[in-house]
């Protein structure tokens, strides 16, 4: 098949489209991460009383956790990650190489964000020992998760573009 005439084929994504993919990836990542965090936070025994308490806690904790997840994923996922991916060429191409480039970029960006968060309030409120390295690992993993969702959405878009009659 030939590439589309407007230059929006699988290897050349416009920045606006990449930013929209970042928005969608951020929303999906935030929902999955928030649900996982709240569910994993409930680690009691499963009796009827604890199950009812877990359901109540889930309902109480979910809005705050969801808001925090949106704040964590959306700004970087919309305004920083797509332009950086386009500028560095990480969003071009297809397959595993593109996934690896996106994963490396996202892990670095989210670690940088976590480092900035630690540097700003550090003189005022130092964290407990070892918390910063654990948070850096979690930040990198959340970036990797975002990049995988982002790449899956790009692959879906590329697949749909290839399937359309021209």
C-alpha atoms as a PDB file:
ATOM      1  CA  UNK A   1       0.000   0.000   0.000  1.00  0.00           C
ATOM      2  CA  UNK A   2       1.138   3.521  -0.603  1.00  0.00           C
ATOM      3  CA  UNK A   3       1.427   6.162   2.071  1.00  0.00           C
ATOM      4  CA  UNK A   4      -1.359   8.714   2.277  1.00  0.00           C
ATOM      5  CA  UNK A   5      -0.803  11.934   0.396  1.00  0.00           C
ATOM      6  CA  UNK A   6      -1.298  14.192   3.409  1.00  0.00           C
ATOM      7  CA  UNK A   7       1.767  12.791   5.211  1.00  0.00           C
ATOM      8  CA  UNK A   8      -0.119  11.432   8.199  1.00  0.00           C
ATOM      9  CA  UNK A   9       0.927   7.835   7.750  1.00  0.00           C
ATOM     10  CA  UNK A  10       2.111   5.536  10.507  1.00  0.00           C
ATOM     11  CA  UNK A  11       5.653   6.936  10.466  1.00  0.00           C
ATOM     12  CA  UNK A  12       4.684  10.635  10.496  1.00  0.00           C
ATOM     13  CA  UNK A  13       2.226  11.594  13.226  1.00  0.00           C
ATOM     14  CA  UNK A  14       1.199  15.269  13.482  1.00  0.00           C
ATOM     15  CA  UNK A  15       1.824  16.894  16.864  1.00  0.00           C
ATOM     16  CA  UNK A  16      -1.856  17.616  17.520  1.00  0.00           C
ATOM     17  CA  UNK A  17      -2.733  13.976  16.953  1.00  0.00           C
ATOM     18  CA  UNK A  18       0.094  12.892  19.257  1.00  0.00           C
ATOM     19  CA  UNK A  19      -1.200  15.271  21.928  1.00  0.00           C
ATOM     20  CA  UNK A  20      -4.708  13.832  21.578  1.00  0.00           C
ATOM     21  CA  UNK A  21      -3.217  10.355  21.954  1.00  0.00           C
ATOM     22  CA  UNK A  22      -1.464  11.672  25.076  1.00  0.00           C
ATOM     23  CA  UNK A  23      -4.801  12.867  26.448  1.00  0.00           C
ATOM     24  CA  UNK A  24      -6.444   9.515  25.805  1.00  0.00           C
ATOM     25  CA  UNK A  25      -3.427   7.614  27.158  1.00  0.00           C
ATOM     26  CA  UNK A  26      -3.383   9.806  30.252  1.00  0.00           C
ATOM     27  CA  UNK A  27      -7.062   9.188  30.934  1.00  0.00           C
ATOM     28  CA  UNK A  28      -6.707   5.427  30.483  1.00  0.00           C
ATOM     29  CA  UNK A  29      -3.515   5.291  32.553  1.00  0.00           C
ATOM     30  CA  UNK A  30      -5.017   7.418  35.325  1.00  0.00           C
ATOM     31  CA  UNK A  31      -8.109   5.239  35.642  1.00  0.00           C
ATOM     32  CA  UNK A  32      -6.148   1.987  35.683  1.00  0.00           C
ATOM     33  CA  UNK A  33      -3.512   3.320  38.103  1.00  0.00           C
ATOM     34  CA  UNK A  34      -6.078   4.823  40.477  1.00  0.00           C
ATOM     35  CA  UNK A  35      -8.151   1.647  40.617  1.00  0.00           C
ATOM     36  CA  UNK A  36      -5.037  -0.466  41.133  1.00  0.00           C
ATOM     37  CA  UNK A  37      -3.741   1.778  43.928  1.00  0.00           C
ATOM     38  CA  UNK A  38      -7.009   1.807  45.818  1.00  0.00           C
ATOM     39  CA  UNK A  39      -7.554  -1.931  45.415  1.00  0.00           C
ATOM     40  CA  UNK A  40      -3.992  -2.760  46.473  1.00  0.00           C
ATOM     41  CA  UNK A  41      -4.299  -0.476  49.500  1.00  0.00           C
ATOM     42  CA  UNK A  42      -6.974  -2.770  50.954  1.00  0.00           C
ATOM     43  CA  UNK A  43      -4.968  -5.688  52.288  1.00  0.00           C
ATOM     44  CA  UNK A  44      -7.040  -7.043  55.153  1.00  0.00           C
ATOM     45  CA  UNK A  45      -8.596 -10.368  55.791  1.00  0.00           C
ATOM     46  CA  UNK A  46     -11.724 -11.050  53.833  1.00  0.00           C
ATOM     47  CA  UNK A  47     -14.511 -11.336  56.343  1.00  0.00           C
ATOM     48  CA  UNK A  48     -17.935  -9.838  55.843  1.00  0.00           C
ATOM     49  CA  UNK A  49     -17.149  -6.850  58.084  1.00  0.00           C
ATOM     50  CA  UNK A  50     -13.807  -6.173  56.420  1.00  0.00           C
ATOM     51  CA  UNK A  51     -15.350  -6.493  52.965  1.00  0.00           C
ATOM     52  CA  UNK A  52     -17.991  -3.917  53.815  1.00  0.00           C
ATOM     53  CA  UNK A  53     -15.299  -1.626  55.243  1.00  0.00           C
ATOM     54  CA  UNK A  54     -13.151  -2.146  52.139  1.00  0.00           C
ATOM     55  CA  UNK A  55     -16.043  -1.161  49.882  1.00  0.00           C
ATOM     56  CA  UNK A  56     -16.670   1.952  51.982  1.00  0.00           C
ATOM     57  CA  UNK A  57     -12.957   2.832  51.949  1.00  0.00           C
ATOM     58  CA  UNK A  58     -12.836   2.265  48.195  1.00  0.00           C
ATOM     59  CA  UNK A  59     -15.687   4.729  47.705  1.00  0.00           C
ATOM     60  CA  UNK A  60     -14.077   7.247  50.040  1.00  0.00           C
ATOM     61  CA  UNK A  61     -10.552   6.974  48.592  1.00  0.00           C
ATOM     62  CA  UNK A  62     -11.344   6.715  44.890  1.00  0.00           C
ATOM     63  CA  UNK A  63     -12.114  10.388  44.086  1.00  0.00           C
ATOM     64  CA  UNK A  64      -8.902  11.645  45.685  1.00  0.00           C
ATOM     65  CA  UNK A  65      -6.791   8.914  44.132  1.00  0.00           C
ATOM     66  CA  UNK A  66      -8.344   9.484  40.729  1.00  0.00           C
ATOM     67  CA  UNK A  67      -7.682  13.224  40.948  1.00  0.00           C
ATOM     68  CA  UNK A  68      -4.065  12.570  41.921  1.00  0.00           C
ATOM     69  CA  UNK A  69      -3.660  10.125  39.033  1.00  0.00           C
ATOM     70  CA  UNK A  70      -5.064  12.661  36.567  1.00  0.00           C
ATOM     71  CA  UNK A  71      -2.681  15.316  37.898  1.00  0.00           C
ATOM     72  CA  UNK A  72       0.207  12.858  37.585  1.00  0.00           C
ATOM     73  CA  UNK A  73      -0.504  11.588  34.057  1.00  0.00           C
ATOM     74  CA  UNK A  74      -2.343  14.281  32.106  1.00  0.00           C
ATOM     75  CA  UNK A  75      -0.119  17.400  32.098  1.00  0.00           C
ATOM     76  CA  UNK A  76       3.051  15.531  31.171  1.00  0.00           C
ATOM     77  CA  UNK A  77       1.162  13.110  28.932  1.00  0.00           C
ATOM     78  CA  UNK A  78      -0.413  15.921  26.909  1.00  0.00           C
ATOM     79  CA  UNK A  79       2.004  18.840  26.924  1.00  0.00           C
ATOM     80  CA  UNK A  80       5.490  17.384  27.490  1.00  0.00           C
ATOM     81  CA  UNK A  81       5.625  13.780  26.284  1.00  0.00           C
ATOM     82  CA  UNK A  82       4.154  14.135  22.736  1.00  0.00           C
ATOM     83  CA  UNK A  83       6.317  17.128  21.691  1.00  0.00           C
ATOM     84  CA  UNK A  84       9.398  15.433  23.147  1.00  0.00           C
ATOM     85  CA  UNK A  85       8.550  12.189  21.352  1.00  0.00           C
ATOM     86  CA  UNK A  86       8.035  14.036  18.072  1.00  0.00           C
ATOM     87  CA  UNK A  87      11.220  16.109  18.457  1.00  0.00           C
ATOM     88  CA  UNK A  88      13.359  13.109  19.376  1.00  0.00           C
ATOM     89  CA  UNK A  89      11.746  10.889  16.741  1.00  0.00           C
ATOM     90  CA  UNK A  90      10.463   8.397  19.289  1.00  0.00           C
ATOM     91  CA  UNK A  91       6.948   8.460  17.814  1.00  0.00           C
ATOM     92  CA  UNK A  92       8.149   7.661  14.316  1.00  0.00           C
ATOM     93  CA  UNK A  93       8.389   4.189  12.904  1.00  0.00           C
ATOM     94  CA  UNK A  94       6.521   1.197  14.191  1.00  0.00           C
ATOM     95  CA  UNK A  95       6.984  -1.985  16.133  1.00  0.00           C
ATOM     96  CA  UNK A  96       9.167  -2.826  19.073  1.00  0.00           C
ATOM     97  CA  UNK A  97      11.784  -0.160  18.377  1.00  0.00           C
ATOM     98  CA  UNK A  98       9.182   2.604  18.668  1.00  0.00           C
ATOM     99  CA  UNK A  99       7.872   1.038  21.891  1.00  0.00           C
ATOM    100  CA  UNK A 100      11.384   0.927  23.370  1.00  0.00           C
ATOM    101  CA  UNK A 101      12.034   4.563  22.427  1.00  0.00           C
ATOM    102  CA  UNK A 102       8.720   5.676  23.925  1.00  0.00           C
ATOM    103  CA  UNK A 103       9.313   3.653  27.100  1.00  0.00           C
ATOM    104  CA  UNK A 104      12.793   5.113  27.601  1.00  0.00           C
ATOM    105  CA  UNK A 105      11.527   8.649  27.015  1.00  0.00           C
ATOM    106  CA  UNK A 106       8.523   8.264  29.325  1.00  0.00           C
ATOM    107  CA  UNK A 107      10.556   6.673  32.117  1.00  0.00           C
ATOM    108  CA  UNK A 108      13.038   9.528  31.921  1.00  0.00           C
ATOM    109  CA  UNK A 109      10.369  12.232  31.862  1.00  0.00           C
ATOM    110  CA  UNK A 110       8.407  10.824  34.787  1.00  0.00           C
ATOM    111  CA  UNK A 111      11.631  10.344  36.803  1.00  0.00           C
ATOM    112  CA  UNK A 112      12.542  13.949  36.039  1.00  0.00           C
ATOM    113  CA  UNK A 113       9.104  15.058  37.225  1.00  0.00           C
ATOM    114  CA  UNK A 114       9.472  13.054  40.441  1.00  0.00           C
ATOM    115  CA  UNK A 115      12.936  14.510  40.996  1.00  0.00           C
ATOM    116  CA  UNK A 116      11.573  18.043  40.585  1.00  0.00           C
ATOM    117  CA  UNK A 117       8.837  17.239  43.083  1.00  0.00           C
ATOM    118  CA  UNK A 118      11.511  16.118  45.559  1.00  0.00           C
ATOM    119  CA  UNK A 119      13.803  19.098  44.949  1.00  0.00           C
ATOM    120  CA  UNK A 120      11.194  21.823  45.417  1.00  0.00           C
ATOM    121  CA  UNK A 121       9.946  20.973  48.946  1.00  0.00           C
ATOM    122  CA  UNK A 122      13.109  19.164  50.118  1.00  0.00           C
ATOM    123  CA  UNK A 123      14.451  22.009  52.288  1.00  0.00           C
ATOM    124  CA  UNK A 124      11.042  22.458  53.919  1.00  0.00           C
ATOM    125  CA  UNK A 125       9.972  18.843  54.406  1.00  0.00           C
ATOM    126  CA  UNK A 126      12.595  16.176  53.846  1.00  0.00           C
ATOM    127  CA  UNK A 127      11.231  12.726  53.103  1.00  0.00           C
ATOM    128  CA  UNK A 128      12.036   9.600  55.066  1.00  0.00           C
ATOM    129  CA  UNK A 129      15.255   7.783  54.191  1.00  0.00           C
ATOM    130  CA  UNK A 130      14.913   5.554  51.147  1.00  0.00           C
ATOM    131  CA  UNK A 131      11.616   7.056  50.051  1.00  0.00           C
ATOM    132  CA  UNK A 132      13.138   9.051  47.219  1.00  0.00           C
ATOM    133  CA  UNK A 133      14.728   6.049  45.500  1.00  0.00           C
ATOM    134  CA  UNK A 134      11.505   4.045  45.849  1.00  0.00           C
ATOM    135  CA  UNK A 135       9.496   6.941  44.434  1.00  0.00           C
ATOM    136  CA  UNK A 136      11.910   7.285  41.509  1.00  0.00           C
ATOM    137  CA  UNK A 137      11.358   3.618  40.676  1.00  0.00           C
ATOM    138  CA  UNK A 138       7.592   4.056  40.886  1.00  0.00           C
ATOM    139  CA  UNK A 139       7.770   7.171  38.735  1.00  0.00           C
ATOM    140  CA  UNK A 140       9.746   5.328  36.075  1.00  0.00           C
ATOM    141  CA  UNK A 141       7.264   2.454  36.158  1.00  0.00           C
ATOM    142  CA  UNK A 142       4.318   4.816  35.787  1.00  0.00           C
ATOM    143  CA  UNK A 143       6.072   6.396  32.803  1.00  0.00           C
ATOM    144  CA  UNK A 144       6.614   2.964  31.287  1.00  0.00           C
ATOM    145  CA  UNK A 145       2.946   2.140  31.834  1.00  0.00           C
ATOM    146  CA  UNK A 146       1.901   5.381  30.144  1.00  0.00           C
ATOM    147  CA  UNK A 147       4.238   4.708  27.195  1.00  0.00           C
ATOM    148  CA  UNK A 148       2.848   1.204  26.675  1.00  0.00           C
ATOM    149  CA  UNK A 149      -0.723   2.533  26.612  1.00  0.00           C
ATOM    150  CA  UNK A 150       0.407   5.353  24.292  1.00  0.00           C
ATOM    151  CA  UNK A 151       2.083   2.927  21.912  1.00  0.00           C
ATOM    152  CA  UNK A 152      -0.946   0.629  21.905  1.00  0.00           C
ATOM    153  CA  UNK A 153      -3.129   3.573  20.881  1.00  0.00           C
ATOM    154  CA  UNK A 154      -0.659   4.561  18.154  1.00  0.00           C
ATOM    155  CA  UNK A 155      -0.603   0.983  16.878  1.00  0.00           C
ATOM    156  CA  UNK A 156      -4.400   0.938  16.788  1.00  0.00           C
ATOM    157  CA  UNK A 157      -4.422   4.197  14.847  1.00  0.00           C
ATOM    158  CA  UNK A 158      -1.767   2.911  12.429  1.00  0.00           C
ATOM    159  CA  UNK A 159      -3.769  -0.277  11.924  1.00  0.00           C
ATOM    160  CA  UNK A 160      -6.939   1.669  11.172  1.00  0.00           C
ATOM    161  CA  UNK A 161      -5.101   3.918   8.710  1.00  0.00           C
ATOM    162  CA  UNK A 162      -3.743   0.890   6.877  1.00  0.00           C
ATOM    163  CA  UNK A 163      -7.199  -0.711   6.705  1.00  0.00           C
ATOM    164  CA  UNK A 164      -9.045   2.289   5.231  1.00  0.00           C
ATOM    165  CA  UNK A 165      -9.660   2.203   1.489  1.00  0.00           C
ATOM    166  CA  UNK A 166      -7.742   4.977  -0.241  1.00  0.00           C
END
